[in-house]
Amino acid sequence: MKEAIKQFVFDHFGFLPPELMVVLISALPILELRGGIPVAHQLGLSYWEALIYGIGGNLLPILPILLLFQPISRWFLRFAVYKRFYEWLYNRTMKKSDKVEKFGAIGLILFTAIPLPTTGAYSASLAAILFFIPIRFAFLAITTGVVIAGFAIASIMYSVF
């Protein structure tokens, strides 16, 4: 599987410098830095380069999501296709966000820091919006969680593999 991912990355992003490749992969939903840091390792970047580019890429979309998701969603909700997507996203986020509901901004740190699928910065941003956590607290909490997750993933990748 590792070879298939590596081949996909090189086939589609091979023209980019390795650092930019890691930033872009880390900025993608679902993959986030959980995908970016292993790619950085595969590309031969150092521990610190993987950490900096992975965290930086993962944080790129967070503030725009926190600022723009609600106004854009309100406009798109008049379309049935988006309404179904929004309901799916809402239900998925609510299912995974019990810590956020219970602990607020501190819960966002825990939610983001756990390096498991669907518990990253994107989901935490949506949870922050759904639970009306102020943007400055949400961004700080999500950033803290991303940094913790980044150190965990990079430490595992660079010590074990």
N, C-alpha and C. Protein backbone atom coordinates (compact mmCIF):
# COMPACT_ATOMS: atom_id res chain seq x y z
N MET A 1 0.82 -1.19 0.00
CA MET A 1 0.00 0.00 0.00
C MET A 1 0.87 1.26 0.00
N LYS A 2 1.96 1.22 0.77
CA LYS A 2 2.85 2.38 0.83
C LYS A 2 3.38 2.72 -0.56
N GLU A 3 3.70 1.70 -1.33
CA GLU A 3 4.21 1.92 -2.70
C GLU A 3 3.13 2.51 -3.61
N ALA A 4 1.89 2.08 -3.43
CA ALA A 4 0.79 2.61 -4.25
C ALA A 4 0.57 4.09 -3.98
N ILE A 5 0.64 4.46 -2.71
CA ILE A 5 0.48 5.88 -2.35
C ILE A 5 1.64 6.68 -2.91
N LYS A 6 2.82 6.16 -2.75
CA LYS A 6 4.01 6.85 -3.25
C LYS A 6 3.92 7.03 -4.76
N GLN A 7 3.48 6.00 -5.46
CA GLN A 7 3.36 6.08 -6.92
C GLN A 7 2.30 7.11 -7.32
N PHE A 8 1.16 7.13 -6.61
CA PHE A 8 0.11 8.10 -6.88
C PHE A 8 0.63 9.53 -6.70
N VAL A 9 1.34 9.75 -5.60
CA VAL A 9 1.88 11.09 -5.32
C VAL A 9 2.84 11.51 -6.42
N PHE A 10 3.74 10.64 -6.81
CA PHE A 10 4.71 11.00 -7.84
C PHE A 10 4.05 11.17 -9.20
N ASP A 11 3.04 10.38 -9.50
CA ASP A 11 2.35 10.51 -10.78
C ASP A 11 1.60 11.83 -10.90
N HIS A 12 0.99 12.27 -9.80
CA HIS A 12 0.14 13.46 -9.86
C HIS A 12 0.80 14.74 -9.37
N PHE A 13 1.80 14.62 -8.50
CA PHE A 13 2.42 15.81 -7.93
C PHE A 13 3.94 15.85 -8.14
N GLY A 14 4.46 14.92 -8.93
CA GLY A 14 5.91 14.78 -9.09
C GLY A 14 6.60 15.99 -9.67
N PHE A 15 5.88 16.86 -10.35
CA PHE A 15 6.48 18.05 -10.96
C PHE A 15 6.75 19.15 -9.93
N LEU A 16 6.20 19.00 -8.73
CA LEU A 16 6.35 20.01 -7.68
C LEU A 16 7.59 19.75 -6.83
N PRO A 17 8.16 20.81 -6.26
CA PRO A 17 9.24 20.58 -5.28
C PRO A 17 8.68 19.79 -4.10
N PRO A 18 9.49 18.96 -3.47
CA PRO A 18 9.00 18.11 -2.36
C PRO A 18 8.31 18.90 -1.25
N GLU A 19 8.85 20.06 -0.90
CA GLU A 19 8.27 20.87 0.17
C GLU A 19 6.85 21.30 -0.16
N LEU A 20 6.65 21.76 -1.39
CA LEU A 20 5.32 22.20 -1.81
C LEU A 20 4.36 21.02 -1.90
N MET A 21 4.87 19.87 -2.31
CA MET A 21 4.06 18.66 -2.37
C MET A 21 3.53 18.32 -0.97
N VAL A 22 4.39 18.41 0.04
CA VAL A 22 3.98 18.10 1.41
C VAL A 22 2.96 19.12 1.91
N VAL A 23 3.18 20.40 1.61
CA VAL A 23 2.23 21.44 2.02
C VAL A 23 0.86 21.17 1.39
N LEU A 24 0.83 20.89 0.10
CA LEU A 24 -0.45 20.67 -0.58
C LEU A 24 -1.17 19.42 -0.08
N ILE A 25 -0.45 18.34 0.10
CA ILE A 25 -1.06 17.11 0.61
C ILE A 25 -1.59 17.34 2.03
N SER A 26 -0.83 18.06 2.84
CA SER A 26 -1.26 18.34 4.21
C SER A 26 -2.46 19.27 4.27
N ALA A 27 -2.68 20.04 3.22
CA ALA A 27 -3.82 20.95 3.18
C ALA A 27 -5.09 20.28 2.67
N LEU A 28 -4.97 19.08 2.15
CA LEU A 28 -6.13 18.38 1.60
C LEU A 28 -7.01 17.78 2.71
N PRO A 29 -8.33 17.85 2.52
CA PRO A 29 -9.20 17.18 3.50
C PRO A 29 -8.92 15.68 3.51
N ILE A 30 -9.20 15.06 4.59
CA ILE A 30 -9.01 13.63 4.84
C ILE A 30 -7.52 13.30 5.01
N LEU A 31 -6.67 13.63 4.04
CA LEU A 31 -5.24 13.32 4.17
C LEU A 31 -4.59 14.16 5.27
N GLU A 32 -4.74 15.46 5.17
CA GLU A 32 -4.17 16.41 6.12
C GLU A 32 -2.71 16.05 6.42
N LEU A 33 -2.23 16.37 7.60
CA LEU A 33 -0.81 16.08 7.87
C LEU A 33 -0.59 14.60 8.12
N ARG A 34 -1.66 13.85 8.33
CA ARG A 34 -1.54 12.40 8.45
C ARG A 34 -1.09 11.77 7.14
N GLY A 35 -1.30 12.48 6.05
CA GLY A 35 -0.79 12.05 4.74
C GLY A 35 0.48 12.79 4.36
N GLY A 36 0.55 14.07 4.72
CA GLY A 36 1.68 14.89 4.33
C GLY A 36 3.00 14.49 4.97
N ILE A 37 2.98 14.20 6.25
CA ILE A 37 4.23 13.85 6.94
C ILE A 37 4.79 12.51 6.45
N PRO A 38 3.97 11.47 6.27
CA PRO A 38 4.54 10.24 5.69
C PRO A 38 5.10 10.45 4.28
N VAL A 39 4.46 11.30 3.49
CA VAL A 39 4.98 11.60 2.16
C VAL A 39 6.32 12.32 2.29
N ALA A 40 6.42 13.25 3.23
CA ALA A 40 7.69 13.95 3.46
C ALA A 40 8.79 12.96 3.81
N HIS A 41 8.44 11.99 4.63
CA HIS A 41 9.41 10.95 5.00
C HIS A 41 9.84 10.17 3.77
N GLN A 42 8.88 9.80 2.94
CA GLN A 42 9.18 9.05 1.72
C GLN A 42 10.04 9.87 0.75
N LEU A 43 9.85 11.18 0.76
CA LEU A 43 10.60 12.06 -0.15
C LEU A 43 11.98 12.42 0.38
N GLY A 44 12.29 11.96 1.59
CA GLY A 44 13.62 12.20 2.14
C GLY A 44 13.79 13.52 2.87
N LEU A 45 12.70 14.19 3.20
CA LEU A 45 12.80 15.42 3.97
C LEU A 45 13.17 15.07 5.41
N SER A 46 13.81 16.01 6.07
CA SER A 46 14.20 15.78 7.46
C SER A 46 12.96 15.81 8.36
N TYR A 47 13.14 15.37 9.59
CA TYR A 47 12.07 15.38 10.59
C TYR A 47 11.48 16.78 10.71
N TRP A 48 12.34 17.79 10.88
CA TRP A 48 11.86 19.16 11.09
C TRP A 48 11.21 19.73 9.84
N GLU A 49 11.73 19.40 8.67
CA GLU A 49 11.10 19.86 7.42
C GLU A 49 9.70 19.24 7.30
N ALA A 50 9.61 17.95 7.56
CA ALA A 50 8.31 17.27 7.49
C ALA A 50 7.32 17.92 8.45
N LEU A 51 7.78 18.20 9.64
CA LEU A 51 6.92 18.81 10.67
C LEU A 51 6.47 20.21 10.26
N ILE A 52 7.40 21.03 9.84
CA ILE A 52 7.07 22.42 9.48
C ILE A 52 6.15 22.47 8.27
N TYR A 53 6.48 21.75 7.21
CA TYR A 53 5.65 21.79 6.00
C TYR A 53 4.31 21.10 6.22
N GLY A 54 4.31 20.02 6.98
CA GLY A 54 3.06 19.31 7.27
C GLY A 54 2.11 20.17 8.10
N ILE A 55 2.62 20.75 9.17
CA ILE A 55 1.78 21.60 10.02
C ILE A 55 1.34 22.84 9.26
N GLY A 56 2.27 23.46 8.56
CA GLY A 56 1.92 24.66 7.78
C GLY A 56 0.83 24.40 6.76
N GLY A 57 0.96 23.30 6.04
CA GLY A 57 -0.07 22.95 5.05
C GLY A 57 -1.40 22.65 5.69
N ASN A 58 -1.38 21.95 6.81
CA ASN A 58 -2.62 21.58 7.49
C ASN A 58 -3.35 22.81 8.04
N LEU A 59 -2.60 23.84 8.41
CA LEU A 59 -3.23 25.04 8.96
C LEU A 59 -3.75 26.01 7.89
N LEU A 60 -3.26 25.88 6.65
CA LEU A 60 -3.67 26.81 5.59
C LEU A 60 -5.18 26.98 5.43
N PRO A 61 -5.96 25.91 5.36
CA PRO A 61 -7.39 26.09 5.11
C PRO A 61 -8.24 26.41 6.34
N ILE A 62 -7.66 26.38 7.53
CA ILE A 62 -8.48 26.46 8.75
C ILE A 62 -9.16 27.82 8.91
N LEU A 63 -8.42 28.90 8.84
CA LEU A 63 -9.02 30.22 9.02
C LEU A 63 -10.07 30.52 7.94
N PRO A 64 -9.79 30.23 6.66
CA PRO A 64 -10.86 30.43 5.67
C PRO A 64 -12.12 29.60 5.96
N ILE A 65 -11.94 28.37 6.44
CA ILE A 65 -13.11 27.56 6.79
C ILE A 65 -13.89 28.21 7.93
N LEU A 66 -13.16 28.61 8.98
CA LEU A 66 -13.82 29.22 10.13
C LEU A 66 -14.56 30.51 9.76
N LEU A 67 -13.99 31.28 8.85
CA LEU A 67 -14.59 32.55 8.47
C LEU A 67 -15.68 32.44 7.41
N LEU A 68 -15.52 31.52 6.48
CA LEU A 68 -16.39 31.51 5.30
C LEU A 68 -17.41 30.39 5.22
N PHE A 69 -17.27 29.35 6.04
CA PHE A 69 -18.16 28.20 5.90
C PHE A 69 -19.63 28.57 6.09
N GLN A 70 -19.94 29.29 7.15
CA GLN A 70 -21.35 29.62 7.41
C GLN A 70 -21.97 30.48 6.31
N PRO A 71 -21.34 31.60 5.91
CA PRO A 71 -21.98 32.41 4.87
C PRO A 71 -22.14 31.67 3.53
N ILE A 72 -21.13 30.89 3.17
CA ILE A 72 -21.22 30.15 1.91
C ILE A 72 -22.27 29.06 2.01
N SER A 73 -22.32 28.37 3.15
CA SER A 73 -23.31 27.30 3.35
C SER A 73 -24.73 27.84 3.29
N ARG A 74 -24.95 28.98 3.92
CA ARG A 74 -26.30 29.57 3.88
C ARG A 74 -26.77 29.77 2.45
N TRP A 75 -25.87 30.25 1.60
CA TRP A 75 -26.23 30.49 0.21
C TRP A 75 -26.47 29.16 -0.53
N PHE A 76 -25.60 28.17 -0.31
CA PHE A 76 -25.70 26.89 -1.00
C PHE A 76 -26.85 26.01 -0.52
N LEU A 77 -27.35 26.25 0.69
CA LEU A 77 -28.42 25.40 1.24
C LEU A 77 -29.70 25.44 0.42
N ARG A 78 -29.83 26.38 -0.48
CA ARG A 78 -31.03 26.40 -1.32
C ARG A 78 -30.99 25.33 -2.42
N PHE A 79 -29.85 24.67 -2.58
CA PHE A 79 -29.72 23.61 -3.56
C PHE A 79 -29.82 22.25 -2.87
N ALA A 80 -30.64 21.37 -3.38
CA ALA A 80 -30.91 20.07 -2.76
C ALA A 80 -29.65 19.23 -2.60
N VAL A 81 -28.78 19.24 -3.60
CA VAL A 81 -27.56 18.43 -3.55
C VAL A 81 -26.68 18.89 -2.38
N TYR A 82 -26.52 20.18 -2.24
CA TYR A 82 -25.70 20.69 -1.14
C TYR A 82 -26.37 20.44 0.21
N LYS A 83 -27.69 20.56 0.24
CA LYS A 83 -28.41 20.33 1.49
C LYS A 83 -28.17 18.90 1.99
N ARG A 84 -28.20 17.92 1.07
CA ARG A 84 -27.91 16.52 1.45
C ARG A 84 -26.46 16.38 1.94
N PHE A 85 -25.53 17.02 1.23
CA PHE A 85 -24.13 16.98 1.64
C PHE A 85 -23.96 17.61 3.01
N TYR A 86 -24.59 18.75 3.23
CA TYR A 86 -24.48 19.46 4.50
C TYR A 86 -25.02 18.61 5.65
N GLU A 87 -26.15 17.95 5.43
CA GLU A 87 -26.73 17.08 6.46
C GLU A 87 -25.80 15.91 6.77
N TRP A 88 -25.21 15.31 5.72
CA TRP A 88 -24.26 14.22 5.92
C TRP A 88 -23.06 14.72 6.72
N LEU A 89 -22.51 15.86 6.33
CA LEU A 89 -21.35 16.43 7.00
C LEU A 89 -21.68 16.78 8.45
N TYR A 90 -22.83 17.36 8.67
CA TYR A 90 -23.27 17.73 10.00
C TYR A 90 -23.37 16.48 10.89
N ASN A 91 -24.05 15.46 10.40
CA ASN A 91 -24.22 14.22 11.18
C ASN A 91 -22.88 13.54 11.46
N ARG A 92 -22.00 13.50 10.47
CA ARG A 92 -20.69 12.89 10.63
C ARG A 92 -19.87 13.65 11.66
N THR A 93 -19.90 14.97 11.59
CA THR A 93 -19.14 15.79 12.54
C THR A 93 -19.70 15.65 13.94
N MET A 94 -21.01 15.66 14.07
CA MET A 94 -21.63 15.56 15.39
C MET A 94 -21.34 14.21 16.04
N LYS A 95 -21.27 13.15 15.23
CA LYS A 95 -20.98 11.82 15.75
C LYS A 95 -19.60 11.75 16.39
N LYS A 96 -18.65 12.48 15.82
CA LYS A 96 -17.27 12.41 16.27
C LYS A 96 -16.89 13.51 17.26
N SER A 97 -17.82 14.39 17.60
CA SER A 97 -17.43 15.60 18.32
C SER A 97 -17.91 15.65 19.77
N ASP A 98 -18.06 14.53 20.42
CA ASP A 98 -18.52 14.54 21.81
C ASP A 98 -17.56 15.30 22.73
N LYS A 99 -16.23 15.20 22.47
CA LYS A 99 -15.25 15.93 23.29
C LYS A 99 -15.41 17.44 23.11
N VAL A 100 -15.69 17.84 21.88
CA VAL A 100 -15.85 19.27 21.61
C VAL A 100 -17.07 19.81 22.34
N GLU A 101 -18.16 19.07 22.26
CA GLU A 101 -19.39 19.51 22.91
C GLU A 101 -19.19 19.61 24.43
N LYS A 102 -18.47 18.66 24.99
CA LYS A 102 -18.29 18.62 26.44
C LYS A 102 -17.28 19.66 26.93
N PHE A 103 -16.18 19.84 26.21
CA PHE A 103 -15.07 20.67 26.70
C PHE A 103 -14.84 21.96 25.91
N GLY A 104 -15.62 22.24 24.88
CA GLY A 104 -15.46 23.48 24.12
C GLY A 104 -14.13 23.52 23.39
N ALA A 105 -13.42 24.65 23.51
CA ALA A 105 -12.16 24.85 22.79
C ALA A 105 -11.10 23.82 23.21
N ILE A 106 -11.08 23.43 24.47
CA ILE A 106 -10.13 22.40 24.92
C ILE A 106 -10.46 21.08 24.23
N GLY A 107 -11.73 20.80 24.03
CA GLY A 107 -12.14 19.60 23.30
C GLY A 107 -11.66 19.61 21.86
N LEU A 108 -11.57 20.81 21.27
CA LEU A 108 -11.04 20.90 19.90
C LEU A 108 -9.59 20.46 19.84
N ILE A 109 -8.83 20.81 20.88
CA ILE A 109 -7.43 20.37 20.91
C ILE A 109 -7.37 18.85 20.91
N LEU A 110 -8.15 18.22 21.79
CA LEU A 110 -8.16 16.75 21.87
C LEU A 110 -8.65 16.14 20.57
N PHE A 111 -9.71 16.70 20.01
CA PHE A 111 -10.30 16.20 18.77
C PHE A 111 -9.30 16.25 17.63
N THR A 112 -8.54 17.33 17.56
CA THR A 112 -7.58 17.51 16.47
C THR A 112 -6.29 16.74 16.71
N ALA A 113 -5.88 16.64 17.95
CA ALA A 113 -4.59 16.03 18.27
C ALA A 113 -4.57 14.52 18.08
N ILE A 114 -5.71 13.87 18.16
CA ILE A 114 -5.76 12.42 18.00
C ILE A 114 -5.57 12.11 16.52
N PRO A 115 -4.45 11.52 16.15
CA PRO A 115 -4.17 11.32 14.73
C PRO A 115 -4.90 10.11 14.13
N LEU A 116 -6.22 10.21 14.09
CA LEU A 116 -7.05 9.18 13.48
C LEU A 116 -7.81 9.78 12.30
N PRO A 117 -8.27 8.96 11.38
CA PRO A 117 -9.06 9.49 10.27
C PRO A 117 -10.31 10.21 10.80
N THR A 118 -10.67 11.27 10.15
CA THR A 118 -11.84 12.11 10.43
C THR A 118 -11.79 12.83 11.77
N THR A 119 -10.63 12.96 12.38
CA THR A 119 -10.53 13.75 13.60
C THR A 119 -9.52 14.88 13.44
N GLY A 120 -9.34 15.36 12.24
CA GLY A 120 -8.34 16.38 11.98
C GLY A 120 -8.87 17.79 12.04
N ALA A 121 -8.10 18.67 11.44
CA ALA A 121 -8.38 20.11 11.50
C ALA A 121 -9.67 20.48 10.77
N TYR A 122 -9.97 19.82 9.66
CA TYR A 122 -11.21 20.13 8.94
C TYR A 122 -12.43 19.82 9.80
N SER A 123 -12.47 18.62 10.35
CA SER A 123 -13.60 18.23 11.19
C SER A 123 -13.69 19.10 12.43
N ALA A 124 -12.55 19.45 13.01
CA ALA A 124 -12.55 20.31 14.19
C ALA A 124 -13.06 21.71 13.84
N SER A 125 -12.72 22.20 12.66
CA SER A 125 -13.23 23.51 12.23
C SER A 125 -14.75 23.49 12.12
N LEU A 126 -15.27 22.43 11.53
CA LEU A 126 -16.73 22.32 11.40
C LEU A 126 -17.38 22.17 12.77
N ALA A 127 -16.76 21.41 13.66
CA ALA A 127 -17.31 21.27 15.01
C ALA A 127 -17.32 22.62 15.72
N ALA A 128 -16.25 23.39 15.55
CA ALA A 128 -16.18 24.72 16.17
C ALA A 128 -17.31 25.62 15.67
N ILE A 129 -17.60 25.53 14.40
CA ILE A 129 -18.69 26.33 13.82
C ILE A 129 -20.02 25.85 14.37
N LEU A 130 -20.23 24.55 14.39
CA LEU A 130 -21.51 24.01 14.85
C LEU A 130 -21.77 24.25 16.33
N PHE A 131 -20.69 24.36 17.13
CA PHE A 131 -20.84 24.61 18.56
C PHE A 131 -20.61 26.07 18.94
N PHE A 132 -20.53 26.93 17.93
CA PHE A 132 -20.41 28.38 18.13
C PHE A 132 -19.22 28.77 19.00
N ILE A 133 -18.10 28.10 18.80
CA ILE A 133 -16.88 28.47 19.51
C ILE A 133 -16.29 29.68 18.79
N PRO A 134 -15.97 30.75 19.49
CA PRO A 134 -15.42 31.96 18.84
C PRO A 134 -14.19 31.62 17.99
N ILE A 135 -14.06 32.30 16.88
CA ILE A 135 -13.02 31.98 15.90
C ILE A 135 -11.62 32.02 16.51
N ARG A 136 -11.30 33.02 17.31
CA ARG A 136 -9.93 33.11 17.83
C ARG A 136 -9.60 31.93 18.75
N PHE A 137 -10.58 31.49 19.56
CA PHE A 137 -10.35 30.33 20.43
C PHE A 137 -10.28 29.05 19.60
N ALA A 138 -11.15 28.95 18.61
CA ALA A 138 -11.16 27.76 17.75
C ALA A 138 -9.85 27.64 16.99
N PHE A 139 -9.39 28.74 16.41
CA PHE A 139 -8.15 28.68 15.63
C PHE A 139 -6.96 28.31 16.53
N LEU A 140 -6.88 28.90 17.70
CA LEU A 140 -5.79 28.58 18.62
C LEU A 140 -5.85 27.11 19.06
N ALA A 141 -7.04 26.63 19.38
CA ALA A 141 -7.20 25.24 19.81
C ALA A 141 -6.86 24.27 18.68
N ILE A 142 -7.35 24.54 17.48
CA ILE A 142 -7.08 23.66 16.34
C ILE A 142 -5.59 23.67 16.01
N THR A 143 -4.98 24.84 16.06
CA THR A 143 -3.54 24.93 15.81
C THR A 143 -2.76 24.10 16.83
N THR A 144 -3.13 24.19 18.08
CA THR A 144 -2.47 23.41 19.13
C THR A 144 -2.63 21.91 18.86
N GLY A 145 -3.85 21.50 18.50
CA GLY A 145 -4.09 20.09 18.18
C GLY A 145 -3.30 19.62 16.98
N VAL A 146 -3.20 20.46 15.96
CA VAL A 146 -2.44 20.10 14.76
C VAL A 146 -0.96 19.93 15.11
N VAL A 147 -0.43 20.82 15.94
CA VAL A 147 0.98 20.72 16.33
C VAL A 147 1.22 19.43 17.11
N ILE A 148 0.34 19.11 18.03
CA ILE A 148 0.48 17.86 18.81
C ILE A 148 0.43 16.65 17.87
N ALA A 149 -0.57 16.63 16.98
CA ALA A 149 -0.68 15.52 16.03
C ALA A 149 0.54 15.45 15.12
N GLY A 150 1.03 16.60 14.69
CA GLY A 150 2.21 16.63 13.84
C GLY A 150 3.42 16.02 14.51
N PHE A 151 3.66 16.40 15.76
CA PHE A 151 4.79 15.82 16.50
C PHE A 151 4.60 14.31 16.68
N ALA A 152 3.38 13.88 16.96
CA ALA A 152 3.13 12.44 17.15
C ALA A 152 3.40 11.67 15.87
N ILE A 153 2.86 12.15 14.77
CA ILE A 153 3.03 11.44 13.49
C ILE A 153 4.48 11.47 13.04
N ALA A 154 5.11 12.63 13.10
CA ALA A 154 6.50 12.74 12.68
C ALA A 154 7.41 11.88 13.55
N SER A 155 7.16 11.86 14.84
CA SER A 155 7.99 11.05 15.75
C SER A 155 7.85 9.57 15.43
N ILE A 156 6.64 9.15 15.14
CA ILE A 156 6.43 7.74 14.77
C ILE A 156 7.10 7.43 13.43
N MET A 157 6.87 8.30 12.44
CA MET A 157 7.42 8.05 11.10
C MET A 157 8.94 8.01 11.11
N TYR A 158 9.56 8.93 11.83
CA TYR A 158 11.00 9.06 11.77
C TYR A 158 11.74 8.19 12.78
N SER A 159 11.02 7.59 13.71
CA SER A 159 11.72 6.71 14.64
C SER A 159 11.51 5.23 14.31
N VAL A 160 10.36 4.91 13.76
CA VAL A 160 10.02 3.51 13.52
C VAL A 160 10.33 3.10 12.08
N PHE A 161 10.00 3.95 11.16
CA PHE A 161 10.11 3.55 9.75
C PHE A 161 11.41 4.05 9.20
